[in-house]
Amino acid sequence: MHVRALKALQEPVEHWDTVLIYILTGKLDGKTRRDWEIHVGDDKNSTFKDLIEFLSNRCQILEMSDKVYDGYMHRHYTVKALLDTGSQSNFITKDLCQKLNLKTNKSSLSISGLNQTLTKTTMKCHNITDCMSLSPKNIVNLKIPECIELADTSFHNAGPIDILLGATIFFEILCKNQILLGKDKPILQETLFGWIVAGSIQVQNQKQVTSLLCNEQELQDQLRLFWEIEEPSVQKIKYSHEEEECLKYFNETTTRRKFIALEKKFQVNPSLHKQYVTFMKEYEDLGQ
């Protein structure tokens, strides 16, 4: 449609919203047309400008999805994302970065969690959280309408979380439409990626609920780092060629010759050998 050409002919296209929307939606694919109908809902005052903005945002999301999930080898990956409004940062696992061949920069970030626990990350994030899952029985009880296209159709299956989207992105991907599934049930929230399930689910006969945040730091690594910091820097002495030859001759002759002579004495005098061993043992014990 050449709306600009009609405007140039001074046609009142600003009052043709219903006609223009009808013509343009008829040229859309079924999925995009269905998403538009869900987007407008019962709003009878949608304008042609609203439709253009909807299509523009959808094109941007499709383009962004290609950039995020299309790796260096032009392969597409399906990943699980966790939406967290309480997080001030966004995270991606090390494994996904390697799959997508993303360039990373070094950074130092302190992450606070439950019970004032503090985790410090310097770039690598191996795991974001534990695998999350729901029982199939709970999913059936939700009675999600068949016309709703979920962003993650297998959201109830256990699997690792690859991306955490925090508050900086969370509210940008939300749309205005919601569907209530019933009392004590979660809601369906429309996002730019599709519909998501949000809220709490009543779990029957659950014997135990565990919520933990474990930050493991090997004591040995901490001690090693401590001693590396406290240890004075030792500069390697550079010798001339003549000095290196002298040092090599000394190591090969003088030091070895002395111990060889001592061993010969021990062979002749076993009592001296026994006294020597006793003395060296006491010396080692004093040094511990």
C-alpha atoms as a PDB file:
ATOM      1  CA  MET A   1       0.000   0.000   0.000  1.00  0.00           C
ATOM      2  CA  HIS A   2       1.286   3.467  -0.863  1.00  0.00           C
ATOM      3  CA  VAL A   3      -0.111   5.519   1.995  1.00  0.00           C
ATOM      4  CA  ARG A   4       2.369   8.320   1.385  1.00  0.00           C
ATOM      5  CA  ALA A   5       1.278   8.539  -2.236  1.00  0.00           C
ATOM      6  CA  LEU A   6      -2.339   8.852  -1.131  1.00  0.00           C
ATOM      7  CA  LYS A   7      -1.337  11.592   1.298  1.00  0.00           C
ATOM      8  CA  ALA A   8       0.448  13.378  -1.550  1.00  0.00           C
ATOM      9  CA  LEU A   9      -2.840  13.302  -3.449  1.00  0.00           C
ATOM     10  CA  GLN A  10      -4.426  14.950  -0.384  1.00  0.00           C
ATOM     11  CA  GLU A  11      -6.597  11.935   0.353  1.00  0.00           C
ATOM     12  CA  PRO A  12      -7.920  11.837   3.979  1.00  0.00           C
ATOM     13  CA  VAL A  13      -6.038   8.640   4.875  1.00  0.00           C
ATOM     14  CA  GLU A  14      -5.894   9.652   8.555  1.00  0.00           C
ATOM     15  CA  HIS A  15      -9.582   8.678   8.709  1.00  0.00           C
ATOM     16  CA  TRP A  16      -9.139   5.354   6.905  1.00  0.00           C
ATOM     17  CA  ASP A  17      -7.804   3.372   9.878  1.00  0.00           C
ATOM     18  CA  THR A  18     -10.392   0.594   9.668  1.00  0.00           C
ATOM     19  CA  VAL A  19      -9.936   0.106   5.918  1.00  0.00           C
ATOM     20  CA  LEU A  20      -6.133   0.226   6.043  1.00  0.00           C
ATOM     21  CA  ILE A  21      -5.960  -2.181   8.996  1.00  0.00           C
ATOM     22  CA  TYR A  22      -8.282  -4.611   7.204  1.00  0.00           C
ATOM     23  CA  ILE A  23      -6.214  -4.538   3.999  1.00  0.00           C
ATOM     24  CA  LEU A  24      -2.830  -4.848   5.733  1.00  0.00           C
ATOM     25  CA  THR A  25      -3.813  -7.610   8.189  1.00  0.00           C
ATOM     26  CA  GLY A  26      -5.123  -9.611   5.253  1.00  0.00           C
ATOM     27  CA  LYS A  27      -1.589  -9.694   3.868  1.00  0.00           C
ATOM     28  CA  LEU A  28       0.004 -10.895   7.137  1.00  0.00           C
ATOM     29  CA  ASP A  29       0.850 -14.486   7.949  1.00  0.00           C
ATOM     30  CA  GLY A  30      -1.499 -16.356  10.290  1.00  0.00           C
ATOM     31  CA  LYS A  31       0.743 -16.173  13.365  1.00  0.00           C
ATOM     32  CA  THR A  32       1.397 -12.432  13.064  1.00  0.00           C
ATOM     33  CA  ARG A  33      -2.297 -11.728  12.443  1.00  0.00           C
ATOM     34  CA  ARG A  34      -3.266 -13.790  15.517  1.00  0.00           C
ATOM     35  CA  ASP A  35      -0.694 -11.954  17.647  1.00  0.00           C
ATOM     36  CA  TRP A  36      -2.124  -8.630  16.461  1.00  0.00           C
ATOM     37  CA  GLU A  37      -5.646  -9.670  17.418  1.00  0.00           C
ATOM     38  CA  ILE A  38      -4.438 -10.728  20.867  1.00  0.00           C
ATOM     39  CA  HIS A  39      -2.487  -7.482  21.155  1.00  0.00           C
ATOM     40  CA  VAL A  40      -5.489  -5.220  20.530  1.00  0.00           C
ATOM     41  CA  GLY A  41      -7.951  -7.402  22.472  1.00  0.00           C
ATOM     42  CA  ASP A  42     -11.322  -5.683  22.805  1.00  0.00           C
ATOM     43  CA  ASP A  43      -9.945  -2.268  21.886  1.00  0.00           C
ATOM     44  CA  LYS A  44     -12.120  -0.954  19.047  1.00  0.00           C
ATOM     45  CA  ASN A  45     -10.143   2.280  18.690  1.00  0.00           C
ATOM     46  CA  SER A  46      -6.915   0.812  17.311  1.00  0.00           C
ATOM     47  CA  THR A  47      -5.401   2.972  14.605  1.00  0.00           C
ATOM     48  CA  PHE A  48      -3.320   2.219  11.552  1.00  0.00           C
ATOM     49  CA  LYS A  49      -0.375   3.802  13.379  1.00  0.00           C
ATOM     50  CA  ASP A  50      -0.792   1.253  16.196  1.00  0.00           C
ATOM     51  CA  LEU A  51      -0.566  -1.573  13.664  1.00  0.00           C
ATOM     52  CA  ILE A  52       2.590  -0.124  12.098  1.00  0.00           C
ATOM     53  CA  GLU A  53       4.218   0.215  15.547  1.00  0.00           C
ATOM     54  CA  PHE A  54       3.240  -3.374  16.389  1.00  0.00           C
ATOM     55  CA  LEU A  55       4.810  -4.694  13.179  1.00  0.00           C
ATOM     56  CA  SER A  56       7.913  -2.561  13.700  1.00  0.00           C
ATOM     57  CA  ASN A  57       8.419  -3.901  17.240  1.00  0.00           C
ATOM     58  CA  ARG A  58       7.858  -7.443  16.034  1.00  0.00           C
ATOM     59  CA  CYS A  59      10.490  -7.061  13.309  1.00  0.00           C
ATOM     60  CA  GLN A  60      12.962  -5.708  15.848  1.00  0.00           C
ATOM     61  CA  ILE A  61      12.363  -8.691  18.141  1.00  0.00           C
ATOM     62  CA  LEU A  62      12.790 -11.175  15.301  1.00  0.00           C
ATOM     63  CA  GLU A  63      16.012  -9.449  14.309  1.00  0.00           C
ATOM     64  CA  MET A  64      17.235  -9.429  17.910  1.00  0.00           C
ATOM     65  CA  SER A  65      16.412 -13.124  18.290  1.00  0.00           C
ATOM     66  CA  ASP A  66      18.555 -13.926  15.250  1.00  0.00           C
ATOM     67  CA  LYS A  67      21.457 -11.979  16.689  1.00  0.00           C
ATOM     68  CA  VAL A  68      21.217 -13.616  20.091  1.00  0.00           C
ATOM     69  CA  TYR A  69      20.689 -17.204  19.063  1.00  0.00           C
ATOM     70  CA  ASP A  70      22.589 -17.295  15.774  1.00  0.00           C
ATOM     71  CA  GLY A  71      26.127 -18.398  16.593  1.00  0.00           C
ATOM     72  CA  TYR A  72      29.355 -17.982  14.678  1.00  0.00           C
ATOM     73  CA  MET A  73      28.628 -21.189  12.755  1.00  0.00           C
ATOM     74  CA  HIS A  74      25.129 -19.921  11.826  1.00  0.00           C
ATOM     75  CA  ARG A  75      23.408 -22.374  14.142  1.00  0.00           C
ATOM     76  CA  HIS A  76      20.317 -21.595  16.189  1.00  0.00           C
ATOM     77  CA  TYR A  77      20.082 -22.645  19.820  1.00  0.00           C
ATOM     78  CA  THR A  78      17.044 -22.919  22.063  1.00  0.00           C
ATOM     79  CA  VAL A  79      17.846 -21.615  25.526  1.00  0.00           C
ATOM     80  CA  LYS A  80      15.953 -21.219  28.795  1.00  0.00           C
ATOM     81  CA  ALA A  81      15.662 -17.720  30.234  1.00  0.00           C
ATOM     82  CA  LEU A  82      14.653 -16.775  33.775  1.00  0.00           C
ATOM     83  CA  LEU A  83      12.897 -13.429  34.286  1.00  0.00           C
ATOM     84  CA  ASP A  84      13.883 -11.805  37.582  1.00  0.00           C
ATOM     85  CA  THR A  85      12.578  -8.334  38.437  1.00  0.00           C
ATOM     86  CA  GLY A  86      14.764  -8.234  41.557  1.00  0.00           C
ATOM     87  CA  SER A  87      18.036  -8.574  39.677  1.00  0.00           C
ATOM     88  CA  GLN A  88      19.897  -5.402  38.765  1.00  0.00           C
ATOM     89  CA  SER A  89      22.129  -7.257  36.303  1.00  0.00           C
ATOM     90  CA  ASN A  90      21.697  -9.701  33.440  1.00  0.00           C
ATOM     91  CA  PHE A  91      23.608 -12.974  33.285  1.00  0.00           C
ATOM     92  CA  ILE A  92      24.527 -15.545  30.664  1.00  0.00           C
ATOM     93  CA  THR A  93      26.297 -18.826  31.337  1.00  0.00           C
ATOM     94  CA  LYS A  94      29.828 -19.524  30.193  1.00  0.00           C
ATOM     95  CA  ASP A  95      28.659 -22.520  28.134  1.00  0.00           C
ATOM     96  CA  LEU A  96      26.207 -20.432  26.097  1.00  0.00           C
ATOM     97  CA  CYS A  97      28.850 -17.758  25.504  1.00  0.00           C
ATOM     98  CA  GLN A  98      31.154 -20.407  24.103  1.00  0.00           C
ATOM     99  CA  LYS A  99      28.410 -21.859  21.893  1.00  0.00           C
ATOM    100  CA  LEU A 100      27.636 -18.441  20.438  1.00  0.00           C
ATOM    101  CA  ASN A 101      31.310 -17.428  20.251  1.00  0.00           C
ATOM    102  CA  LEU A 102      30.543 -14.200  22.082  1.00  0.00           C
ATOM    103  CA  LYS A 103      33.350 -11.824  22.931  1.00  0.00           C
ATOM    104  CA  THR A 104      33.686 -11.336  26.689  1.00  0.00           C
ATOM    105  CA  ASN A 105      35.399  -8.650  28.739  1.00  0.00           C
ATOM    106  CA  LYS A 106      36.879  -9.007  32.191  1.00  0.00           C
ATOM    107  CA  SER A 107      34.805  -7.532  35.006  1.00  0.00           C
ATOM    108  CA  SER A 108      34.526  -7.749  38.770  1.00  0.00           C
ATOM    109  CA  LEU A 109      31.005  -7.956  40.173  1.00  0.00           C
ATOM    110  CA  SER A 110      29.718  -8.733  43.662  1.00  0.00           C
ATOM    111  CA  ILE A 111      26.371 -10.563  43.701  1.00  0.00           C
ATOM    112  CA  SER A 112      24.348 -10.515  46.919  1.00  0.00           C
ATOM    113  CA  GLY A 113      21.705 -13.145  47.621  1.00  0.00           C
ATOM    114  CA  LEU A 114      19.600 -14.749  50.311  1.00  0.00           C
ATOM    115  CA  ASN A 115      20.685 -14.229  53.938  1.00  0.00           C
ATOM    116  CA  GLN A 116      23.233 -11.582  52.873  1.00  0.00           C
ATOM    117  CA  THR A 117      25.401 -14.126  51.088  1.00  0.00           C
ATOM    118  CA  LEU A 118      27.893 -12.565  48.721  1.00  0.00           C
ATOM    119  CA  THR A 119      29.344 -14.099  45.572  1.00  0.00           C
ATOM    120  CA  LYS A 120      32.085 -12.409  43.602  1.00  0.00           C
ATOM    121  CA  THR A 121      32.387 -13.144  39.904  1.00  0.00           C
ATOM    122  CA  THR A 122      35.233 -11.930  37.710  1.00  0.00           C
ATOM    123  CA  MET A 123      33.730 -12.857  34.322  1.00  0.00           C
ATOM    124  CA  LYS A 124      32.757 -16.525  34.229  1.00  0.00           C
ATOM    125  CA  CYS A 125      29.276 -17.636  35.279  1.00  0.00           C
ATOM    126  CA  HIS A 126      29.086 -21.431  35.157  1.00  0.00           C
ATOM    127  CA  ASN A 127      25.597 -21.806  36.710  1.00  0.00           C
ATOM    128  CA  ILE A 128      22.851 -19.240  37.227  1.00  0.00           C
ATOM    129  CA  THR A 129      20.514 -21.343  39.367  1.00  0.00           C
ATOM    130  CA  ASP A 130      19.391 -24.924  39.871  1.00  0.00           C
ATOM    131  CA  CYS A 131      17.146 -26.720  37.377  1.00  0.00           C
ATOM    132  CA  MET A 132      13.464 -25.826  37.754  1.00  0.00           C
ATOM    133  CA  SER A 133      10.575 -28.147  36.991  1.00  0.00           C
ATOM    134  CA  LEU A 134       6.901 -28.817  37.676  1.00  0.00           C
ATOM    135  CA  SER A 135       5.060 -32.104  37.732  1.00  0.00           C
ATOM    136  CA  PRO A 136       2.950 -32.902  34.612  1.00  0.00           C
ATOM    137  CA  LYS A 137      -0.158 -33.094  36.827  1.00  0.00           C
ATOM    138  CA  ASN A 138       0.216 -29.446  37.823  1.00  0.00           C
ATOM    139  CA  ILE A 139       0.540 -28.399  34.180  1.00  0.00           C
ATOM    140  CA  VAL A 140      -2.669 -30.181  33.184  1.00  0.00           C
ATOM    141  CA  ASN A 141      -4.537 -28.435  35.993  1.00  0.00           C
ATOM    142  CA  LEU A 142      -3.516 -25.045  34.615  1.00  0.00           C
ATOM    143  CA  LYS A 143      -5.734 -25.538  31.514  1.00  0.00           C
ATOM    144  CA  ILE A 144      -3.775 -23.211  29.248  1.00  0.00           C
ATOM    145  CA  PRO A 145      -5.902 -22.247  26.191  1.00  0.00           C
ATOM    146  CA  GLU A 146      -4.790 -23.943  22.981  1.00  0.00           C
ATOM    147  CA  CYS A 147      -4.802 -20.650  21.093  1.00  0.00           C
ATOM    148  CA  ILE A 148      -2.053 -19.286  23.345  1.00  0.00           C
ATOM    149  CA  GLU A 149       1.447 -19.675  21.941  1.00  0.00           C
ATOM    150  CA  LEU A 150       3.894 -19.956  24.828  1.00  0.00           C
ATOM    151  CA  ALA A 151       7.401 -18.569  24.574  1.00  0.00           C
ATOM    152  CA  ASP A 152       8.604 -21.842  26.122  1.00  0.00           C
ATOM    153  CA  THR A 153       6.286 -24.789  25.592  1.00  0.00           C
ATOM    154  CA  SER A 154       8.470 -26.978  27.810  1.00  0.00           C
ATOM    155  CA  PHE A 155       8.754 -24.519  30.697  1.00  0.00           C
ATOM    156  CA  HIS A 156       7.667 -27.229  33.158  1.00  0.00           C
ATOM    157  CA  ASN A 157      10.493 -29.598  32.203  1.00  0.00           C
ATOM    158  CA  ALA A 158      13.665 -29.613  34.261  1.00  0.00           C
ATOM    159  CA  GLY A 159      16.595 -27.948  32.553  1.00  0.00           C
ATOM    160  CA  PRO A 160      19.474 -25.561  33.176  1.00  0.00           C
ATOM    161  CA  ILE A 161      18.883 -21.822  33.029  1.00  0.00           C
ATOM    162  CA  ASP A 162      21.053 -20.240  30.322  1.00  0.00           C
ATOM    163  CA  ILE A 163      20.100 -16.566  30.652  1.00  0.00           C
ATOM    164  CA  LEU A 164      18.807 -14.411  33.500  1.00  0.00           C
ATOM    165  CA  LEU A 165      17.020 -11.237  32.403  1.00  0.00           C
ATOM    166  CA  GLY A 166      16.937  -8.638  35.155  1.00  0.00           C
ATOM    167  CA  ALA A 167      14.951  -5.473  35.775  1.00  0.00           C
ATOM    168  CA  THR A 168      16.764  -3.538  33.034  1.00  0.00           C
ATOM    169  CA  ILE A 169      15.179  -5.759  30.359  1.00  0.00           C
ATOM    170  CA  PHE A 170      12.196  -7.326  32.121  1.00  0.00           C
ATOM    171  CA  PHE A 171       9.778  -4.403  31.823  1.00  0.00           C
ATOM    172  CA  GLU A 172      10.793  -3.676  28.232  1.00  0.00           C
ATOM    173  CA  ILE A 173       9.630  -7.092  27.016  1.00  0.00           C
ATOM    174  CA  LEU A 174       6.257  -7.032  28.826  1.00  0.00           C
ATOM    175  CA  CYS A 175       3.059  -6.411  26.874  1.00  0.00           C
ATOM    176  CA  LYS A 176      -0.254  -5.234  28.297  1.00  0.00           C
ATOM    177  CA  ASN A 177      -2.297  -8.428  27.905  1.00  0.00           C
ATOM    178  CA  GLN A 178      -2.840 -10.899  30.751  1.00  0.00           C
ATOM    179  CA  ILE A 179      -5.038 -13.951  31.161  1.00  0.00           C
ATOM    180  CA  LEU A 180      -6.150 -15.149  34.594  1.00  0.00           C
ATOM    181  CA  LEU A 181      -6.196 -18.938  34.851  1.00  0.00           C
ATOM    182  CA  GLY A 182      -8.243 -19.042  38.055  1.00  0.00           C
ATOM    183  CA  LYS A 183      -7.991 -18.808  41.820  1.00  0.00           C
ATOM    184  CA  ASP A 184      -4.660 -19.919  43.315  1.00  0.00           C
ATOM    185  CA  LYS A 185      -3.296 -20.340  39.798  1.00  0.00           C
ATOM    186  CA  PRO A 186      -0.678 -18.367  37.883  1.00  0.00           C
ATOM    187  CA  ILE A 187      -1.447 -15.920  35.099  1.00  0.00           C
ATOM    188  CA  LEU A 188      -0.507 -15.876  31.444  1.00  0.00           C
ATOM    189  CA  GLN A 189       1.493 -12.754  30.637  1.00  0.00           C
ATOM    190  CA  GLU A 190       2.132 -11.630  27.088  1.00  0.00           C
ATOM    191  CA  THR A 191       5.719 -10.667  26.265  1.00  0.00           C
ATOM    192  CA  LEU A 192       7.604  -9.775  23.116  1.00  0.00           C
ATOM    193  CA  PHE A 193       8.851 -13.368  22.975  1.00  0.00           C
ATOM    194  CA  GLY A 194       5.400 -14.907  23.426  1.00  0.00           C
ATOM    195  CA  TRP A 195       3.214 -15.807  26.393  1.00  0.00           C
ATOM    196  CA  ILE A 196       4.804 -16.840  29.682  1.00  0.00           C
ATOM    197  CA  VAL A 197       3.403 -18.466  32.825  1.00  0.00           C
ATOM    198  CA  ALA A 198       3.929 -16.300  35.915  1.00  0.00           C
ATOM    199  CA  GLY A 199       2.866 -16.672  39.524  1.00  0.00           C
ATOM    200  CA  SER A 200       2.592 -19.390  42.146  1.00  0.00           C
ATOM    201  CA  ILE A 201       1.287 -22.937  41.758  1.00  0.00           C
ATOM    202  CA  GLN A 202      -0.296 -24.968  44.543  1.00  0.00           C
ATOM    203  CA  VAL A 203       1.660 -28.209  44.920  1.00  0.00           C
ATOM    204  CA  GLN A 204      -0.132 -31.136  46.535  1.00  0.00           C
ATOM    205  CA  ASN A 205       1.575 -33.340  49.141  1.00  0.00           C
ATOM    206  CA  GLN A 206       4.849 -31.523  48.982  1.00  0.00           C
ATOM    207  CA  LYS A 207       6.850 -32.723  51.965  1.00  0.00           C
ATOM    208  CA  GLN A 208       9.754 -30.328  51.763  1.00  0.00           C
ATOM    209  CA  VAL A 209      10.648 -27.016  50.199  1.00  0.00           C
ATOM    210  CA  THR A 210      14.309 -26.108  49.995  1.00  0.00           C
ATOM    211  CA  SER A 211      15.701 -22.728  49.029  1.00  0.00           C
ATOM    212  CA  LEU A 212      19.459 -22.473  49.220  1.00  0.00           C
ATOM    213  CA  LEU A 213      22.259 -20.348  47.889  1.00  0.00           C
ATOM    214  CA  CYS A 214      25.624 -22.023  48.286  1.00  0.00           C
ATOM    215  CA  ASN A 215      28.864 -20.180  47.616  1.00  0.00           C
ATOM    216  CA  GLU A 216      31.764 -22.628  47.668  1.00  0.00           C
ATOM    217  CA  GLN A 217      35.304 -21.336  47.868  1.00  0.00           C
ATOM    218  CA  GLU A 218      38.086 -23.808  48.387  1.00  0.00           C
ATOM    219  CA  LEU A 219      40.083 -22.952  51.513  1.00  0.00           C
ATOM    220  CA  GLN A 220      43.237 -24.051  49.778  1.00  0.00           C
ATOM    221  CA  ASP A 221      42.696 -21.539  46.959  1.00  0.00           C
ATOM    222  CA  GLN A 222      42.100 -18.722  49.431  1.00  0.00           C
ATOM    223  CA  LEU A 223      45.260 -19.562  51.385  1.00  0.00           C
ATOM    224  CA  ARG A 224      47.287 -19.801  48.194  1.00  0.00           C
ATOM    225  CA  LEU A 225      46.037 -16.385  47.093  1.00  0.00           C
ATOM    226  CA  PHE A 226      46.855 -14.952  50.534  1.00  0.00           C
ATOM    227  CA  TRP A 227      50.427 -16.190  50.448  1.00  0.00           C
ATOM    228  CA  GLU A 228      50.886 -15.010  46.876  1.00  0.00           C
ATOM    229  CA  ILE A 229      49.870 -11.500  47.932  1.00  0.00           C
ATOM    230  CA  GLU A 230      52.095 -11.496  51.028  1.00  0.00           C
ATOM    231  CA  GLU A 231      55.085 -13.094  49.324  1.00  0.00           C
ATOM    232  CA  PRO A 232      57.733 -10.510  48.370  1.00  0.00           C
ATOM    233  CA  SER A 233      58.599 -10.358  44.741  1.00  0.00           C
ATOM    234  CA  VAL A 234      61.826 -12.188  43.899  1.00  0.00           C
ATOM    235  CA  GLN A 235      63.705 -11.030  40.874  1.00  0.00           C
ATOM    236  CA  LYS A 236      65.622 -13.629  38.946  1.00  0.00           C
ATOM    237  CA  ILE A 237      69.348 -12.916  38.896  1.00  0.00           C
ATOM    238  CA  LYS A 238      70.850 -12.647  35.454  1.00  0.00           C
ATOM    239  CA  TYR A 239      74.325 -14.152  35.173  1.00  0.00           C
ATOM    240  CA  SER A 240      76.915 -13.590  32.493  1.00  0.00           C
ATOM    241  CA  HIS A 241      78.124 -16.496  30.396  1.00  0.00           C
ATOM    242  CA  GLU A 242      81.268 -16.913  32.528  1.00  0.00           C
ATOM    243  CA  GLU A 243      79.243 -16.821  35.765  1.00  0.00           C
ATOM    244  CA  GLU A 244      76.848 -19.459  34.477  1.00  0.00           C
ATOM    245  CA  GLU A 245      79.769 -21.742  33.596  1.00  0.00           C
ATOM    246  CA  CYS A 246      81.224 -21.313  37.092  1.00  0.00           C
ATOM    247  CA  LEU A 247      77.875 -22.035  38.733  1.00  0.00           C
ATOM    248  CA  LYS A 248      77.388 -25.125  36.589  1.00  0.00           C
ATOM    249  CA  TYR A 249      80.877 -26.436  37.452  1.00  0.00           C
ATOM    250  CA  PHE A 250      80.265 -25.824  41.168  1.00  0.00           C
ATOM    251  CA  ASN A 251      76.951 -27.704  41.156  1.00  0.00           C
ATOM    252  CA  GLU A 252      78.396 -30.641  39.248  1.00  0.00           C
ATOM    253  CA  THR A 253      81.552 -31.037  41.354  1.00  0.00           C
ATOM    254  CA  THR A 254      81.792 -29.385  44.756  1.00  0.00           C
ATOM    255  CA  THR A 255      78.343 -30.073  46.215  1.00  0.00           C
ATOM    256  CA  ARG A 256      78.102 -33.619  44.862  1.00  0.00           C
ATOM    257  CA  ARG A 257      81.681 -34.498  45.799  1.00  0.00           C
ATOM    258  CA  LYS A 258      81.059 -33.616  49.438  1.00  0.00           C
ATOM    259  CA  PHE A 259      78.051 -35.942  49.727  1.00  0.00           C
ATOM    260  CA  ILE A 260      79.871 -38.748  47.917  1.00  0.00           C
ATOM    261  CA  ALA A 261      82.715 -38.530  50.442  1.00  0.00           C
ATOM    262  CA  LEU A 262      80.190 -38.554  53.290  1.00  0.00           C
ATOM    263  CA  GLU A 263      78.503 -41.687  51.946  1.00  0.00           C
ATOM    264  CA  LYS A 264      81.865 -43.477  51.813  1.00  0.00           C
ATOM    265  CA  LYS A 265      82.405 -42.657  55.496  1.00  0.00           C
ATOM    266  CA  PHE A 266      78.991 -44.118  56.342  1.00  0.00           C
ATOM    267  CA  GLN A 267      79.888 -47.366  54.604  1.00  0.00           C
ATOM    268  CA  VAL A 268      83.035 -47.683  56.719  1.00  0.00           C
ATOM    269  CA  ASN A 269      81.421 -46.492  59.967  1.00  0.00           C
ATOM    270  CA  PRO A 270      77.770 -47.674  60.383  1.00  0.00           C
ATOM    271  CA  SER A 271      77.583 -46.087  63.854  1.00  0.00           C
ATOM    272  CA  LEU A 272      78.348 -42.669  62.373  1.00  0.00           C
ATOM    273  CA  HIS A 273      75.645 -43.228  59.762  1.00  0.00           C
ATOM    274  CA  LYS A 274      73.099 -44.008  62.486  1.00  0.00           C
ATOM    275  CA  GLN A 275      74.023 -40.876  64.465  1.00  0.00           C
ATOM    276  CA  TYR A 276      73.752 -38.784  61.302  1.00  0.00           C
ATOM    277  CA  VAL A 277      70.273 -40.091  60.503  1.00  0.00           C
ATOM    278  CA  THR A 278      69.112 -39.463  64.104  1.00  0.00           C
ATOM    279  CA  PHE A 279      70.439 -35.917  64.036  1.00  0.00           C
ATOM    280  CA  MET A 280      68.814 -35.083  60.706  1.00  0.00           C
ATOM    281  CA  LYS A 281      65.472 -36.500  61.904  1.00  0.00           C
ATOM    282  CA  GLU A 282      65.573 -34.275  64.998  1.00  0.00           C
ATOM    283  CA  TYR A 283      66.478 -31.310  62.813  1.00  0.00           C
ATOM    284  CA  GLU A 284      63.509 -31.908  60.532  1.00  0.00           C
ATOM    285  CA  ASP A 285      61.154 -32.272  63.514  1.00  0.00           C
ATOM    286  CA  LEU A 286      62.291 -28.912  64.900  1.00  0.00           C
ATOM    287  CA  GLY A 287      61.503 -27.258  61.595  1.00  0.00           C
ATOM    288  CA  GLN A 288      57.858 -28.432  61.506  1.00  0.00           C
END
